[in-house]
Amino acid sequence: MIVIAIIIILLGLAAGRYERSVLVAKEAKLKHDIQVMREAIEQYTLDKQAAPQSLEDLVDPQHPYLREIPTDPMTHAKDWQPKFEDVMLSPDQVSAGITDVHSNSNQTSPIDGSAYNTW
């Protein structure tokens, strides 16, 4: 009985650590995907002298800046929230559009307490 109790306690500890490691991995993927999309938005804007009007503009088959729009690891969908602003990255830019992108998740990170949609 004592051996079984010890095994159950150890399994409980391992399950908790596993769940936390999965969450840390999802958050790392979210940060990476956001950074890649931000870089693609900036490069698109500088190359074309016009900001993208949708995230799909970044996967244009003729000049792809992304192979595909990544799936948000928190919502499990490609439902990113683009941020539109009238900011110009260069003096030659002719139109404004998407300047940033955020997760569509309304959850908060249990690790640092910040909302995913503010990253």
Protein backbone atom coordinates (compact mmCIF):
# COMPACT_ATOMS: atom_id res chain seq x y z
CA MET A 1 0.00 0.00 0.00
CA ILE A 2 2.82 2.39 0.84
CA VAL A 3 4.50 1.74 -2.52
CA ILE A 4 1.25 2.43 -4.37
CA ALA A 5 0.75 5.68 -2.42
CA ILE A 6 4.29 6.83 -3.26
CA ILE A 7 3.76 6.00 -6.94
CA ILE A 8 0.49 7.98 -7.00
CA ILE A 9 2.19 10.99 -5.37
CA LEU A 10 5.05 10.87 -7.88
CA LEU A 11 2.62 10.59 -10.80
CA GLY A 12 0.74 13.63 -9.50
CA LEU A 13 3.94 15.65 -9.33
CA ALA A 14 5.01 14.54 -12.80
CA ALA A 15 1.61 15.42 -14.30
CA GLY A 16 1.79 18.95 -12.86
CA ARG A 17 5.27 19.53 -14.24
CA TYR A 18 4.24 18.13 -17.62
CA GLU A 19 1.26 20.51 -17.86
CA ARG A 20 3.49 23.47 -17.00
CA SER A 21 6.10 22.45 -19.59
CA VAL A 22 3.38 22.19 -22.25
CA LEU A 23 2.16 25.68 -21.34
CA VAL A 24 5.69 27.10 -21.47
CA ALA A 25 6.17 25.55 -24.92
CA LYS A 26 2.87 27.01 -26.18
CA GLU A 27 3.82 30.45 -24.90
CA ALA A 28 7.24 30.21 -26.56
CA LYS A 29 5.58 29.26 -29.86
CA LEU A 30 3.14 32.16 -29.53
CA LYS A 31 5.99 34.64 -28.96
CA HIS A 32 7.94 33.22 -31.90
CA ASP A 33 4.96 33.28 -34.29
CA ILE A 34 4.12 36.87 -33.35
CA GLN A 35 7.73 37.94 -33.88
CA VAL A 36 7.90 36.23 -37.30
CA MET A 37 4.64 37.86 -38.42
CA ARG A 38 5.78 41.28 -37.19
CA GLU A 39 9.01 40.94 -39.16
CA ALA A 40 7.05 39.87 -42.26
CA ILE A 41 4.70 42.86 -41.91
CA GLU A 42 7.65 45.23 -41.62
CA GLN A 43 9.52 43.68 -44.58
CA TYR A 44 6.37 43.71 -46.74
CA THR A 45 5.78 47.37 -45.90
CA LEU A 46 9.35 48.39 -46.67
CA ASP A 47 9.51 46.36 -49.90
CA LYS A 48 6.17 47.43 -51.35
CA GLN A 49 6.04 50.93 -49.81
CA ALA A 50 2.54 50.04 -48.62
CA ALA A 51 1.43 48.21 -45.51
CA PRO A 52 -0.49 44.94 -45.95
CA GLN A 53 -4.25 45.29 -45.77
CA SER A 54 -4.72 41.73 -44.47
CA LEU A 55 -2.53 38.95 -43.14
CA GLU A 56 -3.28 36.98 -46.31
CA ASP A 57 -1.24 39.58 -48.24
CA LEU A 58 1.84 38.10 -46.54
CA VAL A 59 1.30 34.70 -48.17
CA ASP A 60 0.91 35.97 -51.75
CA PRO A 61 2.19 33.16 -54.00
CA GLN A 62 4.19 35.56 -56.19
CA HIS A 63 6.06 37.23 -53.31
CA PRO A 64 5.53 35.22 -50.13
CA TYR A 65 6.71 36.72 -46.88
CA LEU A 66 5.23 33.76 -45.00
CA ARG A 67 4.52 30.24 -46.24
CA GLU A 68 1.25 30.28 -44.36
CA ILE A 69 -0.44 32.15 -41.57
CA PRO A 70 0.52 30.28 -38.39
CA THR A 71 -2.10 28.82 -36.08
CA ASP A 72 -2.40 30.63 -32.77
CA PRO A 73 -1.32 28.02 -30.18
CA MET A 74 -3.70 29.47 -27.58
CA THR A 75 -6.89 29.51 -29.68
CA HIS A 76 -5.93 26.68 -32.08
CA ALA A 77 -7.12 28.83 -34.99
CA LYS A 78 -5.72 31.29 -37.50
CA ASP A 79 -7.70 34.11 -35.90
CA TRP A 80 -5.00 36.69 -35.21
CA GLN A 81 -5.98 40.26 -34.37
CA PRO A 82 -4.23 42.65 -36.78
CA LYS A 83 -3.61 46.19 -35.60
CA PHE A 84 -4.18 48.95 -38.16
CA GLU A 85 -2.45 52.31 -37.76
CA ASP A 86 -1.60 55.32 -39.89
CA VAL A 87 2.10 54.90 -39.19
CA MET A 88 4.56 55.19 -42.06
CA LEU A 89 7.82 53.21 -41.87
CA SER A 90 9.52 55.18 -44.63
CA PRO A 91 9.02 58.53 -46.36
CA ASP A 92 8.18 56.71 -49.62
CA GLN A 93 5.35 54.67 -48.11
CA VAL A 94 2.09 55.43 -49.90
CA SER A 95 -0.52 53.71 -47.74
CA ALA A 96 -1.07 52.65 -44.16
CA GLY A 97 -2.43 49.31 -43.02
CA ILE A 98 -1.48 46.51 -40.65
CA THR A 99 1.38 47.48 -38.36
CA ASP A 100 1.15 44.80 -35.70
CA VAL A 101 -0.54 41.53 -34.81
CA HIS A 102 -1.73 40.01 -31.52
CA SER A 103 -3.26 36.77 -30.32
CA ASN A 104 -7.05 36.59 -30.30
CA SER A 105 -7.01 34.74 -26.96
CA ASN A 106 -8.57 36.49 -23.98
CA GLN A 107 -6.69 34.23 -21.55
CA THR A 108 -3.86 35.39 -19.34
CA SER A 109 -0.53 33.72 -18.80
CA PRO A 110 -0.34 32.01 -15.41
CA ILE A 111 3.43 32.42 -15.59
CA ASP A 112 3.68 36.23 -15.82
CA GLY A 113 0.02 37.30 -15.48
CA SER A 114 -0.16 39.22 -18.76
CA ALA A 115 -2.95 38.76 -21.28
CA TYR A 116 -1.95 36.86 -24.41
CA ASN A 117 -3.70 39.45 -26.60
CA THR A 118 -1.27 42.12 -25.38
CA TRP A 119 1.87 40.30 -26.48
